[in-house]
Amino acid sequence: MKIMDYHHWANQKWFEHLKKLPDSMLTQKITSVFPSLMDTLVHMLKTDFIWLLAISGKEYEETIGMLNEFNEKLQGMSLAGLEKQFNEITGQYVSFLNGIDDPIQTITIAHPKFGEAKAPLQDLIGHVVNHGTYHRGNLTAMLRQMGEAGAPTDYIFYLYEEQALFAHKH
């Protein structure tokens, strides 16, 4: 799905941007949605992980168990480690989505508190991407509070870059 390609592209732009900053800035405490840039990235990664499990048909209890293991793995992870994890999760999304014949097929999500919800797969993927976009905006706001610029990751920039790469190849 092209929108998932955008999600990966935008996350990569952020990693490229964050690598240019001092490591201390990544964990600097700030008053925002999350206490630091790294905490925001971890939240984004865990959410991508949870939704991959959910759309793959994992039951809630199994998802929570797998999330707990994933949380342990992420403790104290470096920026490079988080980038590697994001890339691995993206690869799993690509593999999953490549095996889907019908992106509008209905997926049922069951949650003990919120109940059962049914939605087309493409809508749930849209939710994952929207969630990432929201928190990439948080990262920009956090960096601005620290006197730094964010990374421009609007969808239109992805389209321009994609078209430029296509034109260059042909």
N, C-alpha and C. Protein backbone atom coordinates (compact mmCIF):
# COMPACT_ATOMS: atom_id res chain seq x y z
N MET A 1 0.85 -1.19 0.00
CA MET A 1 0.00 0.00 0.00
C MET A 1 0.89 1.24 0.00
N LYS A 2 0.58 2.14 -0.88
CA LYS A 2 1.39 3.34 -1.03
C LYS A 2 1.44 4.15 0.27
N ILE A 3 0.34 4.20 0.99
CA ILE A 3 0.32 4.99 2.22
C ILE A 3 1.28 4.41 3.26
N MET A 4 1.46 3.11 3.24
CA MET A 4 2.42 2.48 4.16
C MET A 4 3.85 2.78 3.71
N ASP A 5 4.07 2.87 2.40
CA ASP A 5 5.38 3.29 1.89
C ASP A 5 5.70 4.69 2.40
N TYR A 6 4.70 5.56 2.38
CA TYR A 6 4.88 6.92 2.90
C TYR A 6 5.26 6.87 4.38
N HIS A 7 4.56 6.06 5.16
CA HIS A 7 4.82 5.95 6.60
C HIS A 7 6.29 5.58 6.83
N HIS A 8 6.78 4.61 6.09
CA HIS A 8 8.18 4.20 6.23
C HIS A 8 9.11 5.34 5.81
N TRP A 9 8.82 5.98 4.69
CA TRP A 9 9.62 7.09 4.20
C TRP A 9 9.71 8.19 5.26
N ALA A 10 8.57 8.55 5.84
CA ALA A 10 8.53 9.63 6.84
C ALA A 10 9.33 9.25 8.08
N ASN A 11 9.19 8.01 8.53
CA ASN A 11 9.97 7.58 9.69
C ASN A 11 11.46 7.63 9.38
N GLN A 12 11.86 7.20 8.18
CA GLN A 12 13.27 7.24 7.79
C GLN A 12 13.79 8.68 7.76
N LYS A 13 12.98 9.61 7.27
CA LYS A 13 13.38 11.02 7.25
C LYS A 13 13.67 11.50 8.68
N TRP A 14 12.84 11.05 9.61
CA TRP A 14 13.05 11.44 11.01
C TRP A 14 14.32 10.83 11.57
N PHE A 15 14.58 9.59 11.28
CA PHE A 15 15.83 9.00 11.78
C PHE A 15 17.04 9.71 11.20
N GLU A 16 17.01 10.02 9.92
CA GLU A 16 18.10 10.77 9.29
C GLU A 16 18.31 12.10 10.01
N HIS A 17 17.20 12.77 10.33
CA HIS A 17 17.26 14.07 10.99
C HIS A 17 17.80 13.94 12.41
N LEU A 18 17.29 12.98 13.16
CA LEU A 18 17.67 12.84 14.56
C LEU A 18 19.12 12.41 14.73
N LYS A 19 19.67 11.70 13.76
CA LYS A 19 21.07 11.27 13.83
C LYS A 19 22.03 12.46 13.82
N LYS A 20 21.57 13.60 13.32
CA LYS A 20 22.42 14.79 13.24
C LYS A 20 22.47 15.55 14.57
N LEU A 21 21.60 15.18 15.50
CA LEU A 21 21.52 15.89 16.78
C LEU A 21 22.41 15.22 17.82
N PRO A 22 22.81 15.98 18.85
CA PRO A 22 23.56 15.35 19.94
C PRO A 22 22.70 14.30 20.65
N ASP A 23 23.32 13.20 21.05
CA ASP A 23 22.59 12.13 21.73
C ASP A 23 21.84 12.64 22.96
N SER A 24 22.42 13.60 23.65
CA SER A 24 21.78 14.12 24.87
C SER A 24 20.43 14.75 24.57
N MET A 25 20.27 15.29 23.38
CA MET A 25 19.00 15.92 23.01
C MET A 25 17.89 14.87 22.86
N LEU A 26 18.25 13.67 22.47
CA LEU A 26 17.26 12.61 22.25
C LEU A 26 16.56 12.19 23.54
N THR A 27 17.26 12.28 24.64
CA THR A 27 16.69 11.87 25.93
C THR A 27 16.40 13.05 26.85
N GLN A 28 16.64 14.25 26.36
CA GLN A 28 16.39 15.46 27.16
C GLN A 28 14.92 15.51 27.56
N LYS A 29 14.66 15.75 28.84
CA LYS A 29 13.29 15.82 29.34
C LYS A 29 12.66 17.14 28.90
N ILE A 30 11.42 17.06 28.46
CA ILE A 30 10.71 18.22 27.96
C ILE A 30 9.23 18.06 28.30
N THR A 31 8.55 19.16 28.52
CA THR A 31 7.12 19.10 28.79
C THR A 31 6.38 19.00 27.47
N SER A 32 5.86 17.81 27.20
CA SER A 32 5.17 17.55 25.95
C SER A 32 4.29 16.32 26.12
N VAL A 33 3.83 15.77 25.02
CA VAL A 33 2.99 14.57 25.06
C VAL A 33 3.76 13.41 25.69
N PHE A 34 5.04 13.28 25.37
CA PHE A 34 5.94 12.29 25.97
C PHE A 34 7.13 13.03 26.55
N PRO A 35 7.82 12.42 27.52
CA PRO A 35 8.91 13.13 28.20
C PRO A 35 10.14 13.42 27.35
N SER A 36 10.35 12.68 26.26
CA SER A 36 11.54 12.91 25.43
C SER A 36 11.27 12.45 24.00
N LEU A 37 12.19 12.82 23.12
CA LEU A 37 12.10 12.37 21.73
C LEU A 37 12.15 10.84 21.66
N MET A 38 13.06 10.24 22.42
CA MET A 38 13.18 8.77 22.41
C MET A 38 11.90 8.11 22.91
N ASP A 39 11.29 8.66 23.95
CA ASP A 39 10.03 8.10 24.45
C ASP A 39 8.95 8.15 23.39
N THR A 40 8.93 9.22 22.61
CA THR A 40 7.95 9.35 21.53
C THR A 40 8.20 8.29 20.46
N LEU A 41 9.45 8.10 20.08
CA LEU A 41 9.78 7.08 19.08
C LEU A 41 9.40 5.68 19.56
N VAL A 42 9.67 5.40 20.84
CA VAL A 42 9.33 4.08 21.39
C VAL A 42 7.82 3.88 21.33
N HIS A 43 7.06 4.91 21.69
CA HIS A 43 5.59 4.80 21.63
C HIS A 43 5.14 4.53 20.19
N MET A 44 5.70 5.25 19.24
CA MET A 44 5.33 5.05 17.83
C MET A 44 5.62 3.62 17.39
N LEU A 45 6.79 3.13 17.76
CA LEU A 45 7.20 1.78 17.37
C LEU A 45 6.29 0.73 18.00
N LYS A 46 6.00 0.89 19.29
CA LYS A 46 5.13 -0.08 19.96
C LYS A 46 3.73 -0.08 19.35
N THR A 47 3.25 1.08 18.95
CA THR A 47 1.92 1.15 18.34
C THR A 47 1.93 0.46 16.97
N ASP A 48 2.95 0.70 16.17
CA ASP A 48 3.05 -0.01 14.88
C ASP A 48 3.08 -1.52 15.12
N PHE A 49 3.81 -1.95 16.13
CA PHE A 49 3.93 -3.37 16.47
C PHE A 49 2.57 -3.95 16.87
N ILE A 50 1.87 -3.25 17.75
CA ILE A 50 0.56 -3.73 18.23
C ILE A 50 -0.43 -3.86 17.08
N TRP A 51 -0.47 -2.85 16.20
CA TRP A 51 -1.43 -2.90 15.11
C TRP A 51 -1.08 -3.96 14.07
N LEU A 52 0.20 -4.24 13.90
CA LEU A 52 0.58 -5.34 13.01
C LEU A 52 0.03 -6.65 13.56
N LEU A 53 0.15 -6.85 14.86
CA LEU A 53 -0.39 -8.06 15.48
C LEU A 53 -1.90 -8.11 15.34
N ALA A 54 -2.55 -6.97 15.58
CA ALA A 54 -4.02 -6.92 15.52
C ALA A 54 -4.55 -7.24 14.13
N ILE A 55 -3.98 -6.63 13.11
CA ILE A 55 -4.49 -6.88 11.75
C ILE A 55 -4.11 -8.27 11.26
N SER A 56 -3.10 -8.86 11.89
CA SER A 56 -2.69 -10.22 11.53
C SER A 56 -3.56 -11.28 12.19
N GLY A 57 -4.50 -10.82 13.03
CA GLY A 57 -5.43 -11.76 13.65
C GLY A 57 -5.05 -12.27 15.02
N LYS A 58 -4.04 -11.69 15.64
CA LYS A 58 -3.65 -12.12 16.98
C LYS A 58 -4.74 -11.71 17.99
N GLU A 59 -4.98 -12.58 18.94
CA GLU A 59 -5.92 -12.30 20.02
C GLU A 59 -5.31 -11.29 20.98
N TYR A 60 -6.16 -10.58 21.71
CA TYR A 60 -5.71 -9.53 22.63
C TYR A 60 -4.68 -10.05 23.62
N GLU A 61 -4.95 -11.18 24.27
CA GLU A 61 -4.06 -11.70 25.30
C GLU A 61 -2.68 -12.04 24.72
N GLU A 62 -2.67 -12.63 23.54
CA GLU A 62 -1.40 -12.95 22.88
C GLU A 62 -0.65 -11.68 22.52
N THR A 63 -1.38 -10.68 22.05
CA THR A 63 -0.77 -9.39 21.70
C THR A 63 -0.11 -8.76 22.92
N ILE A 64 -0.80 -8.78 24.05
CA ILE A 64 -0.24 -8.18 25.27
C ILE A 64 1.03 -8.91 25.69
N GLY A 65 1.01 -10.23 25.62
CA GLY A 65 2.21 -11.00 25.95
C GLY A 65 3.38 -10.65 25.04
N MET A 66 3.10 -10.56 23.76
CA MET A 66 4.15 -10.21 22.79
C MET A 66 4.63 -8.78 22.99
N LEU A 67 3.71 -7.88 23.35
CA LEU A 67 4.08 -6.49 23.62
C LEU A 67 4.99 -6.40 24.84
N ASN A 68 4.68 -7.16 25.88
CA ASN A 68 5.53 -7.15 27.07
C ASN A 68 6.96 -7.59 26.73
N GLU A 69 7.09 -8.62 25.92
CA GLU A 69 8.42 -9.07 25.48
C GLU A 69 9.10 -7.98 24.65
N PHE A 70 8.34 -7.34 23.77
CA PHE A 70 8.88 -6.28 22.92
C PHE A 70 9.34 -5.11 23.78
N ASN A 71 8.55 -4.74 24.80
CA ASN A 71 8.92 -3.66 25.72
C ASN A 71 10.27 -3.93 26.36
N GLU A 72 10.48 -5.15 26.80
CA GLU A 72 11.75 -5.51 27.44
C GLU A 72 12.90 -5.33 26.46
N LYS A 73 12.68 -5.73 25.24
CA LYS A 73 13.70 -5.62 24.20
C LYS A 73 14.07 -4.16 23.94
N LEU A 74 13.09 -3.26 24.05
CA LEU A 74 13.31 -1.85 23.72
C LEU A 74 13.97 -1.05 24.84
N GLN A 75 14.00 -1.58 26.06
CA GLN A 75 14.54 -0.85 27.20
C GLN A 75 15.97 -0.40 26.94
N GLY A 76 16.20 0.91 27.01
CA GLY A 76 17.53 1.47 26.86
C GLY A 76 18.12 1.38 25.46
N MET A 77 17.29 1.08 24.48
CA MET A 77 17.77 0.92 23.11
C MET A 77 18.24 2.26 22.54
N SER A 78 19.29 2.21 21.75
CA SER A 78 19.83 3.40 21.10
C SER A 78 18.95 3.82 19.93
N LEU A 79 19.24 5.00 19.39
CA LEU A 79 18.52 5.48 18.21
C LEU A 79 18.72 4.51 17.04
N ALA A 80 19.94 4.04 16.86
CA ALA A 80 20.22 3.08 15.77
C ALA A 80 19.44 1.79 15.99
N GLY A 81 19.32 1.35 17.24
CA GLY A 81 18.55 0.15 17.54
C GLY A 81 17.08 0.34 17.25
N LEU A 82 16.54 1.51 17.60
CA LEU A 82 15.13 1.80 17.31
C LEU A 82 14.90 1.85 15.80
N GLU A 83 15.83 2.46 15.08
CA GLU A 83 15.69 2.52 13.62
C GLU A 83 15.64 1.10 13.05
N LYS A 84 16.51 0.24 13.54
CA LYS A 84 16.52 -1.15 13.07
C LYS A 84 15.18 -1.82 13.36
N GLN A 85 14.63 -1.58 14.55
CA GLN A 85 13.34 -2.17 14.91
C GLN A 85 12.22 -1.64 14.01
N PHE A 86 12.23 -0.33 13.75
CA PHE A 86 11.23 0.25 12.84
C PHE A 86 11.33 -0.42 11.47
N ASN A 87 12.55 -0.60 10.98
CA ASN A 87 12.73 -1.22 9.66
C ASN A 87 12.26 -2.67 9.65
N GLU A 88 12.49 -3.39 10.74
CA GLU A 88 12.02 -4.77 10.82
C GLU A 88 10.49 -4.83 10.82
N ILE A 89 9.86 -3.95 11.59
CA ILE A 89 8.40 -3.93 11.64
C ILE A 89 7.85 -3.54 10.26
N THR A 90 8.49 -2.58 9.61
CA THR A 90 8.06 -2.19 8.26
C THR A 90 8.14 -3.39 7.32
N GLY A 91 9.22 -4.14 7.40
CA GLY A 91 9.36 -5.33 6.58
C GLY A 91 8.25 -6.34 6.84
N GLN A 92 7.85 -6.46 8.10
CA GLN A 92 6.75 -7.38 8.44
C GLN A 92 5.42 -6.87 7.87
N TYR A 93 5.20 -5.56 7.92
CA TYR A 93 3.99 -4.99 7.30
C TYR A 93 3.99 -5.27 5.80
N VAL A 94 5.14 -5.05 5.15
CA VAL A 94 5.23 -5.28 3.70
C VAL A 94 4.91 -6.73 3.38
N SER A 95 5.51 -7.65 4.12
CA SER A 95 5.24 -9.08 3.89
C SER A 95 3.77 -9.40 4.08
N PHE A 96 3.19 -8.88 5.16
CA PHE A 96 1.78 -9.12 5.43
C PHE A 96 0.91 -8.56 4.31
N LEU A 97 1.15 -7.30 3.95
CA LEU A 97 0.31 -6.64 2.95
C LEU A 97 0.50 -7.24 1.56
N ASN A 98 1.69 -7.73 1.25
CA ASN A 98 1.91 -8.39 -0.04
C ASN A 98 1.10 -9.67 -0.16
N GLY A 99 0.73 -10.26 0.96
CA GLY A 99 -0.07 -11.47 0.94
C GLY A 99 -1.56 -11.23 0.94
N ILE A 100 -1.96 -9.98 0.89
CA ILE A 100 -3.38 -9.61 0.93
C ILE A 100 -3.89 -9.38 -0.49
N ASP A 101 -4.96 -10.07 -0.83
CA ASP A 101 -5.58 -9.88 -2.15
C ASP A 101 -6.59 -8.74 -2.16
N ASP A 102 -7.22 -8.51 -1.02
CA ASP A 102 -8.32 -7.54 -0.96
C ASP A 102 -8.08 -6.55 0.18
N PRO A 103 -7.54 -5.35 -0.12
CA PRO A 103 -7.25 -4.38 0.94
C PRO A 103 -8.49 -3.81 1.63
N ILE A 104 -9.66 -4.05 1.04
CA ILE A 104 -10.87 -3.55 1.72
C ILE A 104 -11.58 -4.66 2.50
N GLN A 105 -10.91 -5.82 2.60
CA GLN A 105 -11.51 -6.89 3.41
C GLN A 105 -11.71 -6.41 4.84
N THR A 106 -12.76 -6.90 5.46
CA THR A 106 -13.08 -6.49 6.82
C THR A 106 -12.21 -7.25 7.82
N ILE A 107 -11.64 -6.50 8.73
CA ILE A 107 -10.84 -7.05 9.82
C ILE A 107 -11.62 -6.80 11.11
N THR A 108 -11.68 -7.80 11.96
CA THR A 108 -12.36 -7.67 13.25
C THR A 108 -11.31 -7.55 14.34
N ILE A 109 -11.44 -6.52 15.14
CA ILE A 109 -10.55 -6.27 16.26
C ILE A 109 -11.37 -6.44 17.54
N ALA A 110 -10.87 -7.26 18.46
CA ALA A 110 -11.56 -7.47 19.73
C ALA A 110 -10.69 -6.96 20.87
N HIS A 111 -11.29 -6.13 21.72
CA HIS A 111 -10.59 -5.54 22.87
C HIS A 111 -11.47 -5.72 24.09
N PRO A 112 -10.92 -6.13 25.23
CA PRO A 112 -11.76 -6.40 26.41
C PRO A 112 -12.49 -5.16 26.95
N LYS A 113 -11.90 -3.99 26.78
CA LYS A 113 -12.53 -2.77 27.29
C LYS A 113 -13.45 -2.12 26.25
N PHE A 114 -13.00 -2.07 25.00
CA PHE A 114 -13.72 -1.35 23.95
C PHE A 114 -14.66 -2.23 23.13
N GLY A 115 -14.55 -3.53 23.30
CA GLY A 115 -15.43 -4.44 22.56
C GLY A 115 -14.87 -4.80 21.20
N GLU A 116 -15.78 -5.12 20.30
CA GLU A 116 -15.39 -5.57 18.97
C GLU A 116 -15.64 -4.46 17.95
N ALA A 117 -14.69 -4.32 17.04
CA ALA A 117 -14.83 -3.35 15.95
C ALA A 117 -14.47 -4.03 14.64
N LYS A 118 -15.21 -3.67 13.61
CA LYS A 118 -14.94 -4.19 12.27
C LYS A 118 -14.62 -3.00 11.37
N ALA A 119 -13.57 -3.16 10.57
CA ALA A 119 -13.18 -2.09 9.66
C ALA A 119 -12.42 -2.69 8.49
N PRO A 120 -12.48 -2.01 7.33
CA PRO A 120 -11.66 -2.47 6.21
C PRO A 120 -10.17 -2.38 6.57
N LEU A 121 -9.40 -3.33 6.11
CA LEU A 121 -7.96 -3.34 6.38
C LEU A 121 -7.32 -2.00 6.01
N GLN A 122 -7.67 -1.46 4.85
CA GLN A 122 -7.06 -0.20 4.43
C GLN A 122 -7.35 0.93 5.42
N ASP A 123 -8.49 0.90 6.10
CA ASP A 123 -8.79 1.92 7.11
C ASP A 123 -7.90 1.74 8.33
N LEU A 124 -7.64 0.50 8.71
CA LEU A 124 -6.77 0.25 9.86
C LEU A 124 -5.33 0.64 9.54
N ILE A 125 -4.90 0.39 8.32
CA ILE A 125 -3.57 0.85 7.89
C ILE A 125 -3.54 2.38 7.91
N GLY A 126 -4.62 3.00 7.47
CA GLY A 126 -4.72 4.46 7.55
C GLY A 126 -4.59 4.96 8.97
N HIS A 127 -5.17 4.22 9.91
CA HIS A 127 -5.06 4.59 11.32
C HIS A 127 -3.60 4.53 11.78
N VAL A 128 -2.90 3.47 11.41
CA VAL A 128 -1.49 3.32 11.79
C VAL A 128 -0.68 4.50 11.26
N VAL A 129 -0.88 4.83 10.00
CA VAL A 129 -0.14 5.93 9.37
C VAL A 129 -0.52 7.26 10.01
N ASN A 130 -1.80 7.48 10.25
CA ASN A 130 -2.26 8.71 10.88
C ASN A 130 -1.65 8.87 12.27
N HIS A 131 -1.59 7.79 13.03
CA HIS A 131 -0.99 7.82 14.35
C HIS A 131 0.48 8.24 14.25
N GLY A 132 1.20 7.67 13.30
CA GLY A 132 2.60 8.05 13.12
C GLY A 132 2.75 9.51 12.73
N THR A 133 1.88 9.97 11.86
CA THR A 133 1.92 11.38 11.43
C THR A 133 1.70 12.31 12.62
N TYR A 134 0.74 11.97 13.46
CA TYR A 134 0.46 12.77 14.65
C TYR A 134 1.71 12.88 15.52
N HIS A 135 2.36 11.77 15.77
CA HIS A 135 3.52 11.80 16.66
C HIS A 135 4.77 12.36 15.99
N ARG A 136 4.87 12.28 14.68
CA ARG A 136 5.97 12.99 14.02
C ARG A 136 5.76 14.50 14.20
N GLY A 137 4.52 14.94 14.24
CA GLY A 137 4.23 16.34 14.57
C GLY A 137 4.65 16.67 15.99
N ASN A 138 4.43 15.73 16.93
CA ASN A 138 4.91 15.93 18.30
C ASN A 138 6.43 16.10 18.32
N LEU A 139 7.13 15.26 17.55
CA LEU A 139 8.59 15.37 17.50
C LEU A 139 9.01 16.75 17.02
N THR A 140 8.32 17.27 16.01
CA THR A 140 8.64 18.61 15.51
C THR A 140 8.43 19.65 16.60
N ALA A 141 7.30 19.58 17.29
CA ALA A 141 7.02 20.55 18.36
C ALA A 141 8.07 20.45 19.47
N MET A 142 8.45 19.25 19.82
CA MET A 142 9.46 19.06 20.86
C MET A 142 10.80 19.66 20.45
N LEU A 143 11.20 19.40 19.21
CA LEU A 143 12.47 19.96 18.74
C LEU A 143 12.42 21.48 18.70
N ARG A 144 11.31 22.03 18.28
CA ARG A 144 11.19 23.49 18.24
C ARG A 144 11.34 24.09 19.64
N GLN A 145 10.81 23.39 20.65
CA GLN A 145 10.97 23.85 22.04
C GLN A 145 12.44 23.83 22.46
N MET A 146 13.24 22.98 21.82
CA MET A 146 14.67 22.88 22.12
C MET A 146 15.51 23.75 21.18
N GLY A 147 14.83 24.53 20.33
CA GLY A 147 15.54 25.43 19.42
C GLY A 147 16.02 24.79 18.13
N GLU A 148 15.48 23.64 17.79
CA GLU A 148 15.87 22.93 16.56
C GLU A 148 14.68 22.83 15.61
N ALA A 149 14.97 22.64 14.35
CA ALA A 149 13.92 22.44 13.35
C ALA A 149 13.51 20.97 13.30
N GLY A 150 12.31 20.74 12.82
CA GLY A 150 11.83 19.38 12.62
C GLY A 150 12.23 18.86 11.24
N ALA A 151 11.70 17.71 10.90
CA ALA A 151 11.96 17.12 9.59
C ALA A 151 10.68 17.25 8.75
N PRO A 152 10.76 17.84 7.57
CA PRO A 152 9.56 17.99 6.74
C PRO A 152 9.13 16.64 6.15
N THR A 153 7.99 16.14 6.61
CA THR A 153 7.52 14.83 6.17
C THR A 153 6.07 14.85 5.69
N ASP A 154 5.62 15.99 5.21
CA ASP A 154 4.26 16.03 4.65
C ASP A 154 4.18 15.06 3.47
N TYR A 155 3.00 14.51 3.28
CA TYR A 155 2.78 13.52 2.22
C TYR A 155 3.18 14.06 0.84
N ILE A 156 2.94 15.34 0.62
CA ILE A 156 3.26 15.91 -0.69
C ILE A 156 4.76 15.86 -0.96
N PHE A 157 5.59 15.99 0.10
CA PHE A 157 7.04 15.90 -0.08
C PHE A 157 7.44 14.47 -0.47
N TYR A 158 6.74 13.50 0.09
CA TYR A 158 6.96 12.10 -0.29
C TYR A 158 6.64 11.92 -1.78
N LEU A 159 5.50 12.48 -2.22
CA LEU A 159 5.11 12.34 -3.62
C LEU A 159 6.11 12.99 -4.56
N TYR A 160 6.58 14.20 -4.19
CA TYR A 160 7.59 14.87 -5.02
C TYR A 160 8.86 14.04 -5.11
N GLU A 161 9.30 13.52 -3.97
CA GLU A 161 10.54 12.73 -3.96
C GLU A 161 10.36 11.44 -4.75
N GLU A 162 9.23 10.80 -4.59
CA GLU A 162 8.94 9.56 -5.31
C GLU A 162 8.94 9.81 -6.82
N GLN A 163 8.30 10.90 -7.25
CA GLN A 163 8.24 11.21 -8.68
C GLN A 163 9.61 11.57 -9.23
N ALA A 164 10.41 12.27 -8.43
CA ALA A 164 11.76 12.63 -8.87
C ALA A 164 12.61 11.37 -9.03
N LEU A 165 12.49 10.42 -8.12
CA LEU A 165 13.23 9.16 -8.23
C LEU A 165 12.78 8.37 -9.46
N PHE A 166 11.48 8.36 -9.71
CA PHE A 166 10.94 7.65 -10.87
C PHE A 166 11.47 8.28 -12.16
N ALA A 167 11.42 9.61 -12.23
CA ALA A 167 11.88 10.32 -13.44
C ALA A 167 13.38 10.08 -13.66
N HIS A 168 14.13 10.02 -12.57
CA HIS A 168 15.57 9.80 -12.67
C HIS A 168 15.89 8.40 -13.21
N LYS A 169 15.06 7.42 -12.88
CA LYS A 169 15.28 6.04 -13.33
C LYS A 169 14.88 5.84 -14.78
N HIS A 170 14.03 6.71 -15.31
CA HIS A 170 13.51 6.51 -16.67
C HIS A 170 14.01 7.57 -17.59
